[in-house]
C-alpha atoms as a PDB file:
ATOM      1  CA  UNK A   1      78.598 164.554 223.337  1.00  0.00           C
ATOM      2  CA  UNK A   2      79.288 166.115 219.928  1.00  0.00           C
ATOM      3  CA  UNK A   3      77.101 163.583 218.119  1.00  0.00           C
ATOM      4  CA  UNK A   4      74.214 164.355 220.466  1.00  0.00           C
ATOM      5  CA  UNK A   5      74.596 168.089 219.790  1.00  0.00           C
ATOM      6  CA  UNK A   6      74.933 167.478 216.065  1.00  0.00           C
ATOM      7  CA  UNK A   7      71.730 165.408 215.991  1.00  0.00           C
ATOM      8  CA  UNK A   8      69.891 168.102 217.949  1.00  0.00           C
ATOM      9  CA  UNK A   9      71.014 170.736 215.435  1.00  0.00           C
ATOM     10  CA  UNK A  10      69.971 168.536 212.489  1.00  0.00           C
ATOM     11  CA  UNK A  11      66.446 168.303 213.895  1.00  0.00           C
ATOM     12  CA  UNK A  12      66.146 172.088 213.977  1.00  0.00           C
ATOM     13  CA  UNK A  13      68.365 173.003 211.019  1.00  0.00           C
ATOM     14  CA  UNK A  14      68.711 170.065 208.590  1.00  0.00           C
ATOM     15  CA  UNK A  15      70.894 171.752 205.930  1.00  0.00           C
ATOM     16  CA  UNK A  16      73.985 173.141 207.749  1.00  0.00           C
ATOM     17  CA  UNK A  17      76.892 170.875 208.656  1.00  0.00           C
ATOM     18  CA  UNK A  18      78.391 170.728 212.149  1.00  0.00           C
ATOM     19  CA  UNK A  19      82.122 170.650 212.841  1.00  0.00           C
ATOM     20  CA  UNK A  20      84.085 170.070 216.027  1.00  0.00           C
ATOM     21  CA  UNK A  21      87.096 172.353 216.494  1.00  0.00           C
ATOM     22  CA  UNK A  22      89.589 172.340 219.323  1.00  0.00           C
ATOM     23  CA  UNK A  23      92.083 175.114 219.847  1.00  0.00           C
ATOM     24  CA  UNK A  24      95.209 173.115 220.622  1.00  0.00           C
ATOM     25  CA  UNK A  25      96.540 169.577 220.981  1.00  0.00           C
ATOM     26  CA  UNK A  26      98.928 170.841 223.676  1.00  0.00           C
ATOM     27  CA  UNK A  27      96.735 169.651 226.544  1.00  0.00           C
ATOM     28  CA  UNK A  28      94.628 167.027 224.776  1.00  0.00           C
ATOM     29  CA  UNK A  29      95.379 163.774 222.965  1.00  0.00           C
ATOM     30  CA  UNK A  30      93.308 164.675 219.947  1.00  0.00           C
ATOM     31  CA  UNK A  31      90.880 162.703 217.852  1.00  0.00           C
ATOM     32  CA  UNK A  32      93.123 159.702 217.311  1.00  0.00           C
ATOM     33  CA  UNK A  33      92.253 157.708 214.209  1.00  0.00           C
ATOM     34  CA  UNK A  34      88.519 158.470 214.202  1.00  0.00           C
ATOM     35  CA  UNK A  35      87.075 158.470 210.674  1.00  0.00           C
ATOM     36  CA  UNK A  36      85.894 162.095 210.894  1.00  0.00           C
ATOM     37  CA  UNK A  37      89.348 163.408 211.801  1.00  0.00           C
ATOM     38  CA  UNK A  38      90.217 166.025 209.197  1.00  0.00           C
ATOM     39  CA  UNK A  39      86.741 166.151 207.688  1.00  0.00           C
ATOM     40  CA  UNK A  40      84.457 167.049 210.632  1.00  0.00           C
ATOM     41  CA  UNK A  41      86.909 167.115 213.554  1.00  0.00           C
ATOM     42  CA  UNK A  42      89.761 169.629 213.475  1.00  0.00           C
ATOM     43  CA  UNK A  43      92.528 170.926 215.692  1.00  0.00           C
ATOM     44  CA  UNK A  44      93.603 174.503 215.031  1.00  0.00           C
ATOM     45  CA  UNK A  45      97.145 174.037 216.344  1.00  0.00           C
ATOM     46  CA  UNK A  46      99.537 171.549 217.917  1.00  0.00           C
ATOM     47  CA  UNK A  47     100.718 174.284 220.260  1.00  0.00           C
ATOM     48  CA  UNK A  48      99.190 176.364 223.030  1.00  0.00           C
ATOM     49  CA  UNK A  49      98.738 179.984 221.781  1.00  0.00           C
ATOM     50  CA  UNK A  50     101.083 181.577 224.324  1.00  0.00           C
ATOM     51  CA  UNK A  51     103.869 179.230 223.180  1.00  0.00           C
ATOM     52  CA  UNK A  52     103.670 180.135 219.482  1.00  0.00           C
ATOM     53  CA  UNK A  53     106.455 182.712 219.710  1.00  0.00           C
ATOM     54  CA  UNK A  54     108.818 180.001 220.962  1.00  0.00           C
ATOM     55  CA  UNK A  55     107.905 177.382 218.353  1.00  0.00           C
ATOM     56  CA  UNK A  56     110.232 176.779 215.438  1.00  0.00           C
ATOM     57  CA  UNK A  57     108.669 176.054 212.079  1.00  0.00           C
ATOM     58  CA  UNK A  58     107.645 172.389 211.786  1.00  0.00           C
END
């Protein structure tokens, strides 16, 4: 799905880069070992935002 959206954007706007961001890995398995993990695909947090007060520093 992301690649389709990225290709559509490139047709209309060839210069900008597209990135895929997810808010939390708390309810999702993440990007696994995909090659774009950490360069185009990012997770903002391992934790759900409401749980941040209860999280000890990793």
